[in-house]
Amino acid sequence: MLEELLQLDKEFFLYLNGLGTPKWDTFFQFITNKLSAVPLYIFLLILSFQKYGGKKTMVLLVSIGLLITVTDQLGNFFKYGVARLRPCHDQEVEPYMRLVKSYCGGKFGYFSAHASNSFAIAVFFGSILKSSIKYLGVFLVLWAALVAFSRVYIGVHFPLDIITGAAIGSLFGWLFVKLFIFALRKFSL
């Protein structure tokens, strides 16, 4: 059963990755770059400061720092614990795929920390700022999905790496919203 699922994942990867064209390569390389989201993060920080003020925003920054640390390190733990090769290191897949980046990245890819971190941020800010801007949460989830898809597009993650990362990031984003709210109440901020 697991072998069949992994084979389907490889086939689905080759299909999605094969949809790419040179015309879109630069766009997806931009999207997959962590620095491309800096303006979005600044915007979310400004919204947070407007809604919560200085002290609560400091608690928020600590919460986000812990959230990203947890999801990122959990991703590394799984990568080395599961030891599933990235598509660009998998000899069964590599000859048939498009590697858009100039390098493949680390040897293992299960699960995607890009997907996990993006969905964690989307769920966290989408939840705590839902009253600030209508449809902000929807926009953030769409942004996270685009970042996650970019990892398949450029050839460094299988779809299951992305799906697992998105699920774990969403779960921890939700948990850290609860932690943030608890901290605000506990310290009467």
N, C-alpha and C. Protein backbone atom coordinates (compact mmCIF):
# COMPACT_ATOMS: atom_id res chain seq x y z
N MET A 1 0.82 -1.20 0.00
CA MET A 1 0.00 0.00 0.00
C MET A 1 0.87 1.27 0.00
N LEU A 2 1.86 1.33 0.91
CA LEU A 2 2.73 2.50 0.98
C LEU A 2 3.53 2.65 -0.31
N GLU A 3 4.04 1.55 -0.83
CA GLU A 3 4.81 1.60 -2.08
C GLU A 3 3.95 2.12 -3.23
N GLU A 4 2.68 1.69 -3.27
CA GLU A 4 1.77 2.17 -4.33
C GLU A 4 1.52 3.67 -4.19
N LEU A 5 1.33 4.12 -2.95
CA LEU A 5 1.12 5.54 -2.70
C LEU A 5 2.34 6.36 -3.13
N LEU A 6 3.52 5.88 -2.77
CA LEU A 6 4.75 6.59 -3.14
C LEU A 6 4.95 6.60 -4.66
N GLN A 7 4.57 5.52 -5.32
CA GLN A 7 4.67 5.48 -6.78
C GLN A 7 3.69 6.48 -7.42
N LEU A 8 2.47 6.53 -6.90
CA LEU A 8 1.50 7.52 -7.38
C LEU A 8 2.01 8.94 -7.15
N ASP A 9 2.64 9.16 -6.02
CA ASP A 9 3.20 10.47 -5.70
C ASP A 9 4.26 10.85 -6.72
N LYS A 10 5.10 9.91 -7.08
CA LYS A 10 6.15 10.17 -8.08
C LYS A 10 5.52 10.50 -9.45
N GLU A 11 4.50 9.75 -9.82
CA GLU A 11 3.84 10.00 -11.10
C GLU A 11 3.14 11.36 -11.10
N PHE A 12 2.49 11.69 -10.00
CA PHE A 12 1.82 12.99 -9.90
C PHE A 12 2.84 14.12 -9.92
N PHE A 13 3.98 13.91 -9.26
CA PHE A 13 5.06 14.89 -9.30
C PHE A 13 5.50 15.14 -10.74
N LEU A 14 5.76 14.05 -11.48
CA LEU A 14 6.23 14.19 -12.85
C LEU A 14 5.20 14.92 -13.71
N TYR A 15 3.93 14.66 -13.46
CA TYR A 15 2.88 15.37 -14.20
C TYR A 15 2.91 16.87 -13.89
N LEU A 16 2.87 17.21 -12.58
CA LEU A 16 2.84 18.62 -12.18
C LEU A 16 4.12 19.35 -12.58
N ASN A 17 5.25 18.72 -12.33
CA ASN A 17 6.53 19.33 -12.66
C ASN A 17 6.66 19.52 -14.17
N GLY A 18 6.10 18.57 -14.93
CA GLY A 18 6.15 18.64 -16.39
C GLY A 18 5.27 19.72 -16.99
N LEU A 19 4.36 20.28 -16.20
CA LEU A 19 3.52 21.38 -16.69
C LEU A 19 4.30 22.68 -16.83
N GLY A 20 5.44 22.75 -16.17
CA GLY A 20 6.23 23.97 -16.18
C GLY A 20 6.78 24.31 -17.55
N THR A 21 6.97 25.60 -17.76
CA THR A 21 7.57 26.09 -18.99
C THR A 21 8.59 27.17 -18.64
N PRO A 22 9.59 27.37 -19.48
CA PRO A 22 10.59 28.42 -19.20
C PRO A 22 9.97 29.79 -18.96
N LYS A 23 8.81 30.04 -19.56
CA LYS A 23 8.14 31.34 -19.40
C LYS A 23 7.77 31.60 -17.93
N TRP A 24 7.47 30.54 -17.18
CA TRP A 24 7.05 30.69 -15.78
C TRP A 24 8.18 30.42 -14.77
N ASP A 25 9.32 29.96 -15.23
CA ASP A 25 10.40 29.56 -14.32
C ASP A 25 10.85 30.69 -13.40
N THR A 26 11.04 31.88 -13.95
CA THR A 26 11.51 33.01 -13.13
C THR A 26 10.48 33.36 -12.06
N PHE A 27 9.20 33.33 -12.40
CA PHE A 27 8.15 33.63 -11.44
C PHE A 27 8.18 32.65 -10.28
N PHE A 28 8.27 31.35 -10.57
CA PHE A 28 8.26 30.36 -9.49
C PHE A 28 9.56 30.35 -8.70
N GLN A 29 10.66 30.71 -9.33
CA GLN A 29 11.90 30.86 -8.57
C GLN A 29 11.79 32.03 -7.59
N PHE A 30 11.12 33.09 -8.01
CA PHE A 30 10.88 34.23 -7.13
C PHE A 30 9.97 33.82 -5.97
N ILE A 31 8.87 33.15 -6.28
CA ILE A 31 7.91 32.74 -5.25
C ILE A 31 8.54 31.81 -4.23
N THR A 32 9.40 30.92 -4.67
CA THR A 32 9.99 29.94 -3.76
C THR A 32 11.09 30.53 -2.88
N ASN A 33 11.59 31.70 -3.27
CA ASN A 33 12.64 32.36 -2.49
C ASN A 33 12.02 32.94 -1.21
N LYS A 34 12.59 32.59 -0.07
CA LYS A 34 12.04 33.04 1.21
C LYS A 34 12.01 34.57 1.33
N LEU A 35 12.95 35.24 0.71
CA LEU A 35 13.01 36.70 0.82
C LEU A 35 11.89 37.39 0.05
N SER A 36 11.27 36.69 -0.89
CA SER A 36 10.19 37.32 -1.68
C SER A 36 8.98 37.66 -0.81
N ALA A 37 8.86 37.02 0.34
CA ALA A 37 7.71 37.26 1.22
C ALA A 37 7.97 38.36 2.25
N VAL A 38 9.15 38.94 2.27
CA VAL A 38 9.46 39.97 3.26
C VAL A 38 8.45 41.12 3.23
N PRO A 39 8.06 41.65 2.06
CA PRO A 39 7.04 42.72 2.07
C PRO A 39 5.72 42.26 2.70
N LEU A 40 5.32 41.02 2.46
CA LEU A 40 4.10 40.49 3.08
C LEU A 40 4.27 40.43 4.60
N TYR A 41 5.41 39.97 5.06
CA TYR A 41 5.65 39.88 6.51
C TYR A 41 5.63 41.27 7.16
N ILE A 42 6.21 42.25 6.49
CA ILE A 42 6.19 43.62 7.01
C ILE A 42 4.76 44.13 7.08
N PHE A 43 3.98 43.88 6.04
CA PHE A 43 2.57 44.28 6.02
C PHE A 43 1.81 43.63 7.18
N LEU A 44 2.03 42.34 7.41
CA LEU A 44 1.35 41.64 8.51
C LEU A 44 1.78 42.18 9.87
N LEU A 45 3.05 42.52 9.99
CA LEU A 45 3.55 43.11 11.23
C LEU A 45 2.91 44.47 11.48
N ILE A 46 2.78 45.29 10.44
CA ILE A 46 2.13 46.60 10.59
C ILE A 46 0.68 46.43 11.00
N LEU A 47 -0.04 45.51 10.34
CA LEU A 47 -1.43 45.24 10.72
C LEU A 47 -1.53 44.78 12.18
N SER A 48 -0.61 43.92 12.57
CA SER A 48 -0.61 43.41 13.94
C SER A 48 -0.37 44.54 14.94
N PHE A 49 0.59 45.41 14.63
CA PHE A 49 0.88 46.53 15.51
C PHE A 49 -0.33 47.46 15.62
N GLN A 50 -1.01 47.71 14.49
CA GLN A 50 -2.21 48.56 14.52
C GLN A 50 -3.31 47.93 15.37
N LYS A 51 -3.44 46.63 15.31
CA LYS A 51 -4.52 45.96 16.05
C LYS A 51 -4.17 45.75 17.51
N TYR A 52 -2.93 45.38 17.80
CA TYR A 52 -2.57 44.95 19.15
C TYR A 52 -1.70 45.92 19.94
N GLY A 53 -1.06 46.86 19.28
CA GLY A 53 -0.16 47.76 20.01
C GLY A 53 1.20 47.10 20.24
N GLY A 54 2.06 47.82 20.94
CA GLY A 54 3.45 47.41 21.11
C GLY A 54 3.68 46.15 21.91
N LYS A 55 3.14 46.07 23.13
CA LYS A 55 3.40 44.92 24.00
C LYS A 55 2.87 43.62 23.41
N LYS A 56 1.64 43.67 22.92
CA LYS A 56 1.04 42.46 22.35
C LYS A 56 1.75 42.05 21.05
N THR A 57 2.23 43.03 20.31
CA THR A 57 2.98 42.70 19.09
C THR A 57 4.30 42.04 19.43
N MET A 58 4.91 42.42 20.54
CA MET A 58 6.14 41.74 20.98
C MET A 58 5.84 40.28 21.32
N VAL A 59 4.72 40.03 22.00
CA VAL A 59 4.32 38.65 22.29
C VAL A 59 4.06 37.90 20.98
N LEU A 60 3.45 38.60 20.03
CA LEU A 60 3.19 38.01 18.72
C LEU A 60 4.51 37.63 18.03
N LEU A 61 5.49 38.52 18.08
CA LEU A 61 6.78 38.23 17.44
C LEU A 61 7.47 37.03 18.08
N VAL A 62 7.38 36.93 19.39
CA VAL A 62 7.94 35.76 20.08
C VAL A 62 7.19 34.50 19.64
N SER A 63 5.86 34.59 19.55
CA SER A 63 5.04 33.46 19.12
C SER A 63 5.42 33.03 17.71
N ILE A 64 5.56 33.98 16.80
CA ILE A 64 5.94 33.67 15.42
C ILE A 64 7.34 33.07 15.36
N GLY A 65 8.25 33.62 16.13
CA GLY A 65 9.61 33.07 16.17
C GLY A 65 9.62 31.61 16.62
N LEU A 66 8.85 31.34 17.67
CA LEU A 66 8.75 29.95 18.15
C LEU A 66 8.05 29.06 17.14
N LEU A 67 7.00 29.57 16.52
CA LEU A 67 6.24 28.81 15.53
C LEU A 67 7.13 28.39 14.37
N ILE A 68 7.87 29.32 13.81
CA ILE A 68 8.74 29.01 12.67
C ILE A 68 9.86 28.07 13.10
N THR A 69 10.40 28.28 14.29
CA THR A 69 11.44 27.38 14.79
C THR A 69 10.90 25.96 14.90
N VAL A 70 9.72 25.80 15.48
CA VAL A 70 9.13 24.47 15.65
C VAL A 70 8.86 23.81 14.31
N THR A 71 8.18 24.51 13.40
CA THR A 71 7.84 23.87 12.12
C THR A 71 9.09 23.59 11.29
N ASP A 72 10.04 24.50 11.30
CA ASP A 72 11.26 24.32 10.53
C ASP A 72 12.08 23.14 11.06
N GLN A 73 12.26 23.10 12.38
CA GLN A 73 13.07 22.03 12.96
C GLN A 73 12.36 20.67 12.89
N LEU A 74 11.05 20.68 13.00
CA LEU A 74 10.29 19.45 12.82
C LEU A 74 10.47 18.93 11.39
N GLY A 75 10.48 19.86 10.43
CA GLY A 75 10.75 19.48 9.04
C GLY A 75 12.12 18.82 8.89
N ASN A 76 13.13 19.39 9.53
CA ASN A 76 14.48 18.80 9.48
C ASN A 76 14.50 17.43 10.16
N PHE A 77 13.81 17.31 11.29
CA PHE A 77 13.74 16.03 12.00
C PHE A 77 13.15 14.95 11.09
N PHE A 78 12.05 15.28 10.42
CA PHE A 78 11.41 14.31 9.53
C PHE A 78 12.27 14.02 8.30
N LYS A 79 12.92 15.03 7.76
CA LYS A 79 13.75 14.81 6.57
C LYS A 79 14.79 13.74 6.84
N TYR A 80 15.47 13.85 7.97
CA TYR A 80 16.52 12.89 8.27
C TYR A 80 15.98 11.61 8.90
N GLY A 81 14.83 11.71 9.57
CA GLY A 81 14.22 10.52 10.17
C GLY A 81 13.58 9.62 9.13
N VAL A 82 12.86 10.21 8.17
CA VAL A 82 12.19 9.43 7.12
C VAL A 82 13.18 9.12 6.00
N ALA A 83 14.05 10.05 5.70
CA ALA A 83 15.10 9.89 4.69
C ALA A 83 14.54 9.57 3.30
N ARG A 84 13.49 10.27 2.90
CA ARG A 84 12.95 10.13 1.55
C ARG A 84 13.68 11.09 0.63
N LEU A 85 14.23 10.57 -0.43
CA LEU A 85 15.00 11.39 -1.35
C LEU A 85 14.13 12.48 -1.98
N ARG A 86 14.73 13.62 -2.24
CA ARG A 86 14.08 14.64 -3.05
C ARG A 86 13.96 14.10 -4.47
N PRO A 87 13.01 14.62 -5.25
CA PRO A 87 12.88 14.14 -6.63
C PRO A 87 14.17 14.28 -7.43
N CYS A 88 14.89 15.37 -7.22
CA CYS A 88 16.11 15.63 -7.97
C CYS A 88 17.27 14.73 -7.54
N HIS A 89 17.11 13.96 -6.47
CA HIS A 89 18.10 12.97 -6.04
C HIS A 89 17.60 11.54 -6.25
N ASP A 90 16.37 11.39 -6.66
CA ASP A 90 15.76 10.07 -6.86
C ASP A 90 16.06 9.60 -8.28
N GLN A 91 16.86 8.54 -8.41
CA GLN A 91 17.30 8.07 -9.73
C GLN A 91 16.15 7.59 -10.61
N GLU A 92 15.03 7.22 -10.00
CA GLU A 92 13.86 6.78 -10.76
C GLU A 92 13.14 7.97 -11.41
N VAL A 93 13.23 9.14 -10.80
CA VAL A 93 12.49 10.31 -11.24
C VAL A 93 13.38 11.34 -11.95
N GLU A 94 14.57 11.51 -11.48
CA GLU A 94 15.46 12.59 -11.91
C GLU A 94 15.64 12.70 -13.44
N PRO A 95 15.78 11.59 -14.17
CA PRO A 95 15.97 11.75 -15.62
C PRO A 95 14.76 12.35 -16.36
N TYR A 96 13.60 12.33 -15.77
CA TYR A 96 12.36 12.74 -16.45
C TYR A 96 11.81 14.08 -15.96
N MET A 97 12.45 14.69 -15.01
CA MET A 97 11.90 15.89 -14.39
C MET A 97 12.61 17.15 -14.86
N ARG A 98 12.02 18.29 -14.51
CA ARG A 98 12.62 19.60 -14.76
C ARG A 98 13.16 20.12 -13.44
N LEU A 99 14.43 20.34 -13.34
CA LEU A 99 15.02 21.01 -12.17
C LEU A 99 15.25 22.45 -12.58
N VAL A 100 14.45 23.34 -12.01
CA VAL A 100 14.49 24.74 -12.42
C VAL A 100 15.61 25.49 -11.72
N LYS A 101 15.90 25.10 -10.48
CA LYS A 101 16.96 25.76 -9.73
C LYS A 101 18.33 25.31 -10.24
N SER A 102 19.34 26.04 -9.89
CA SER A 102 20.70 25.66 -10.28
C SER A 102 21.25 24.54 -9.40
N TYR A 103 20.59 24.28 -8.28
CA TYR A 103 21.01 23.19 -7.39
C TYR A 103 19.76 22.54 -6.81
N CYS A 104 19.94 21.35 -6.31
CA CYS A 104 18.80 20.55 -5.86
C CYS A 104 18.44 20.78 -4.40
N GLY A 105 19.40 21.10 -3.59
CA GLY A 105 19.15 21.20 -2.15
C GLY A 105 19.63 19.95 -1.45
N GLY A 106 19.26 19.81 -0.18
CA GLY A 106 19.68 18.65 0.59
C GLY A 106 19.18 17.34 -0.01
N LYS A 107 19.72 16.25 0.44
CA LYS A 107 19.41 14.94 -0.12
C LYS A 107 17.96 14.52 0.13
N PHE A 108 17.42 14.88 1.30
CA PHE A 108 16.10 14.40 1.69
C PHE A 108 15.08 15.54 1.69
N GLY A 109 13.78 15.17 1.47
CA GLY A 109 12.79 16.22 1.32
C GLY A 109 11.47 16.02 2.02
N TYR A 110 11.30 14.95 2.81
CA TYR A 110 10.00 14.73 3.45
C TYR A 110 10.03 15.26 4.87
N PHE A 111 9.31 16.25 5.19
CA PHE A 111 8.33 17.02 4.47
C PHE A 111 8.87 18.42 4.18
N SER A 112 8.15 19.17 3.39
CA SER A 112 8.61 20.49 2.95
C SER A 112 8.48 21.52 4.06
N ALA A 113 9.62 22.05 4.49
CA ALA A 113 9.61 23.12 5.50
C ALA A 113 9.07 24.42 4.90
N HIS A 114 9.28 24.64 3.60
CA HIS A 114 8.68 25.82 2.94
C HIS A 114 7.16 25.77 3.08
N ALA A 115 6.58 24.62 2.76
CA ALA A 115 5.12 24.47 2.85
C ALA A 115 4.66 24.61 4.30
N SER A 116 5.37 23.97 5.20
CA SER A 116 5.01 24.01 6.62
C SER A 116 5.06 25.42 7.17
N ASN A 117 6.15 26.12 6.92
CA ASN A 117 6.30 27.48 7.42
C ASN A 117 5.28 28.43 6.81
N SER A 118 5.05 28.30 5.51
CA SER A 118 4.09 29.18 4.83
C SER A 118 2.68 28.99 5.35
N PHE A 119 2.26 27.73 5.51
CA PHE A 119 0.92 27.48 6.01
C PHE A 119 0.80 27.84 7.49
N ALA A 120 1.87 27.67 8.26
CA ALA A 120 1.83 28.08 9.67
C ALA A 120 1.59 29.59 9.77
N ILE A 121 2.32 30.35 8.98
CA ILE A 121 2.15 31.81 8.99
C ILE A 121 0.76 32.20 8.49
N ALA A 122 0.30 31.54 7.43
CA ALA A 122 -1.02 31.85 6.86
C ALA A 122 -2.13 31.61 7.87
N VAL A 123 -2.09 30.46 8.54
CA VAL A 123 -3.14 30.14 9.51
C VAL A 123 -3.04 31.06 10.72
N PHE A 124 -1.82 31.30 11.20
CA PHE A 124 -1.64 32.15 12.38
C PHE A 124 -2.17 33.57 12.11
N PHE A 125 -1.65 34.22 11.10
CA PHE A 125 -2.05 35.60 10.83
C PHE A 125 -3.48 35.68 10.30
N GLY A 126 -3.88 34.70 9.51
CA GLY A 126 -5.26 34.69 9.02
C GLY A 126 -6.26 34.62 10.15
N SER A 127 -5.88 33.92 11.23
CA SER A 127 -6.77 33.80 12.40
C SER A 127 -6.76 35.05 13.28
N ILE A 128 -5.57 35.55 13.59
CA ILE A 128 -5.52 36.67 14.54
C ILE A 128 -5.87 38.01 13.91
N LEU A 129 -5.80 38.09 12.58
CA LEU A 129 -6.10 39.36 11.91
C LEU A 129 -7.37 39.28 11.07
N LYS A 130 -8.19 38.26 11.30
CA LYS A 130 -9.38 38.07 10.44
C LYS A 130 -10.34 39.25 10.51
N SER A 131 -10.34 39.99 11.59
CA SER A 131 -11.25 41.14 11.68
C SER A 131 -10.65 42.41 11.06
N SER A 132 -9.37 42.38 10.71
CA SER A 132 -8.70 43.57 10.17
C SER A 132 -8.98 43.78 8.69
N ILE A 133 -8.86 42.73 7.91
CA ILE A 133 -9.07 42.82 6.46
C ILE A 133 -9.90 41.62 6.03
N LYS A 134 -10.99 41.92 5.34
CA LYS A 134 -11.86 40.86 4.85
C LYS A 134 -11.06 39.99 3.86
N TYR A 135 -11.20 38.71 3.99
CA TYR A 135 -10.57 37.71 3.12
C TYR A 135 -9.05 37.64 3.26
N LEU A 136 -8.47 38.23 4.30
CA LEU A 136 -7.03 38.13 4.50
C LEU A 136 -6.61 36.68 4.64
N GLY A 137 -7.36 35.91 5.42
CA GLY A 137 -7.04 34.50 5.62
C GLY A 137 -7.05 33.72 4.32
N VAL A 138 -8.02 33.99 3.47
CA VAL A 138 -8.11 33.32 2.16
C VAL A 138 -6.89 33.68 1.32
N PHE A 139 -6.55 34.97 1.29
CA PHE A 139 -5.36 35.40 0.54
C PHE A 139 -4.11 34.70 1.06
N LEU A 140 -3.95 34.63 2.38
CA LEU A 140 -2.74 34.03 2.95
C LEU A 140 -2.66 32.53 2.66
N VAL A 141 -3.78 31.85 2.69
CA VAL A 141 -3.78 30.42 2.37
C VAL A 141 -3.45 30.22 0.88
N LEU A 142 -3.99 31.06 0.02
CA LEU A 142 -3.65 30.98 -1.41
C LEU A 142 -2.16 31.26 -1.64
N TRP A 143 -1.64 32.25 -0.91
CA TRP A 143 -0.20 32.54 -1.00
C TRP A 143 0.61 31.32 -0.54
N ALA A 144 0.23 30.71 0.58
CA ALA A 144 0.94 29.54 1.09
C ALA A 144 0.88 28.38 0.10
N ALA A 145 -0.28 28.20 -0.52
CA ALA A 145 -0.44 27.13 -1.51
C ALA A 145 0.46 27.39 -2.73
N LEU A 146 0.59 28.64 -3.13
CA LEU A 146 1.46 28.98 -4.25
C LEU A 146 2.92 28.72 -3.91
N VAL A 147 3.32 29.09 -2.70
CA VAL A 147 4.69 28.82 -2.25
C VAL A 147 4.92 27.30 -2.23
N ALA A 148 3.96 26.56 -1.69
CA ALA A 148 4.10 25.11 -1.62
C ALA A 148 4.20 24.50 -3.02
N PHE A 149 3.32 24.93 -3.93
CA PHE A 149 3.36 24.40 -5.29
C PHE A 149 4.68 24.73 -5.98
N SER A 150 5.24 25.88 -5.66
CA SER A 150 6.51 26.27 -6.30
C SER A 150 7.60 25.24 -6.04
N ARG A 151 7.52 24.54 -4.93
CA ARG A 151 8.52 23.54 -4.59
C ARG A 151 8.44 22.32 -5.51
N VAL A 152 7.22 21.98 -5.92
CA VAL A 152 7.04 20.91 -6.91
C VAL A 152 7.46 21.42 -8.28
N TYR A 153 7.04 22.63 -8.60
CA TYR A 153 7.35 23.22 -9.91
C TYR A 153 8.85 23.24 -10.17
N ILE A 154 9.62 23.70 -9.17
CA ILE A 154 11.07 23.82 -9.41
C ILE A 154 11.79 22.48 -9.30
N GLY A 155 11.10 21.45 -8.78
CA GLY A 155 11.65 20.10 -8.81
C GLY A 155 12.32 19.61 -7.55
N VAL A 156 12.00 20.20 -6.39
CA VAL A 156 12.71 19.79 -5.17
C VAL A 156 11.83 19.08 -4.14
N HIS A 157 10.52 18.95 -4.41
CA HIS A 157 9.64 18.23 -3.49
C HIS A 157 8.56 17.47 -4.25
N PHE A 158 8.21 16.32 -3.69
CA PHE A 158 7.07 15.55 -4.18
C PHE A 158 5.79 16.15 -3.61
N PRO A 159 4.64 15.91 -4.25
CA PRO A 159 3.37 16.43 -3.72
C PRO A 159 3.08 16.00 -2.27
N LEU A 160 3.41 14.77 -1.89
CA LEU A 160 3.16 14.35 -0.50
C LEU A 160 4.02 15.13 0.49
N ASP A 161 5.20 15.55 0.07
CA ASP A 161 6.04 16.41 0.92
C ASP A 161 5.31 17.72 1.21
N ILE A 162 4.65 18.23 0.18
CA ILE A 162 3.94 19.50 0.26
C ILE A 162 2.67 19.35 1.10
N ILE A 163 1.92 18.32 0.82
CA ILE A 163 0.65 18.09 1.55
C ILE A 163 0.92 17.89 3.03
N THR A 164 1.93 17.10 3.35
CA THR A 164 2.28 16.87 4.76
C THR A 164 2.75 18.17 5.40
N GLY A 165 3.60 18.90 4.72
CA GLY A 165 4.08 20.18 5.25
C GLY A 165 2.94 21.16 5.48
N ALA A 166 2.01 21.23 4.54
CA ALA A 166 0.86 22.13 4.68
C ALA A 166 0.00 21.74 5.88
N ALA A 167 -0.22 20.45 6.05
CA ALA A 167 -1.05 19.98 7.17
C ALA A 167 -0.37 20.26 8.51
N ILE A 168 0.91 19.97 8.60
CA ILE A 168 1.64 20.20 9.85
C ILE A 168 1.74 21.70 10.15
N GLY A 169 2.03 22.47 9.14
CA GLY A 169 2.10 23.93 9.33
C GLY A 169 0.77 24.50 9.76
N SER A 170 -0.32 24.03 9.15
CA SER A 170 -1.67 24.50 9.53
C SER A 170 -1.98 24.13 10.98
N LEU A 171 -1.65 22.92 11.36
CA LEU A 171 -1.90 22.47 12.73
C LEU A 171 -1.13 23.33 13.74
N PHE A 172 0.16 23.54 13.47
CA PHE A 172 0.95 24.34 14.41
C PHE A 172 0.56 25.82 14.37
N GLY A 173 0.15 26.32 13.20
CA GLY A 173 -0.35 27.69 13.13
C GLY A 173 -1.55 27.86 14.04
N TRP A 174 -2.47 26.90 14.00
CA TRP A 174 -3.66 26.92 14.85
C TRP A 174 -3.28 26.81 16.33
N LEU A 175 -2.35 25.89 16.65
CA LEU A 175 -1.92 25.74 18.05
C LEU A 175 -1.27 27.01 18.58
N PHE A 176 -0.48 27.67 17.76
CA PHE A 176 0.19 28.88 18.21
C PHE A 176 -0.75 30.06 18.31
N VAL A 177 -1.85 30.06 17.57
CA VAL A 177 -2.90 31.07 17.79
C VAL A 177 -3.44 30.89 19.20
N LYS A 178 -3.72 29.64 19.58
CA LYS A 178 -4.22 29.36 20.93
C LYS A 178 -3.19 29.78 21.98
N LEU A 179 -1.91 29.50 21.72
CA LEU A 179 -0.85 29.88 22.65
C LEU A 179 -0.75 31.40 22.76
N PHE A 180 -0.84 32.10 21.64
CA PHE A 180 -0.79 33.56 21.63
C PHE A 180 -1.94 34.15 22.45
N ILE A 181 -3.14 33.66 22.22
CA ILE A 181 -4.32 34.14 22.97
C ILE A 181 -4.18 33.83 24.45
N PHE A 182 -3.68 32.63 24.77
CA PHE A 182 -3.45 32.25 26.16
C PHE A 182 -2.44 33.20 26.82
N ALA A 183 -1.35 33.50 26.10
CA ALA A 183 -0.32 34.39 26.66
C ALA A 183 -0.88 35.79 26.90
N LEU A 184 -1.71 36.28 25.99
CA LEU A 184 -2.30 37.61 26.18
C LEU A 184 -3.19 37.63 27.42
N ARG A 185 -3.95 36.57 27.62
CA ARG A 185 -4.84 36.50 28.80
C ARG A 185 -4.04 36.28 30.08
N LYS A 186 -3.07 35.38 30.03
CA LYS A 186 -2.30 35.02 31.20
C LYS A 186 -1.54 36.23 31.76
N PHE A 187 -1.00 37.03 30.87
CA PHE A 187 -0.21 38.18 31.30
C PHE A 187 -1.01 39.47 31.26
N SER A 188 -2.31 39.35 31.09
CA SER A 188 -3.22 40.50 31.07
C SER A 188 -2.75 41.63 30.15
N LEU A 189 -2.38 41.26 28.96
CA LEU A 189 -1.90 42.27 28.01
C LEU A 189 -3.04 42.80 27.17
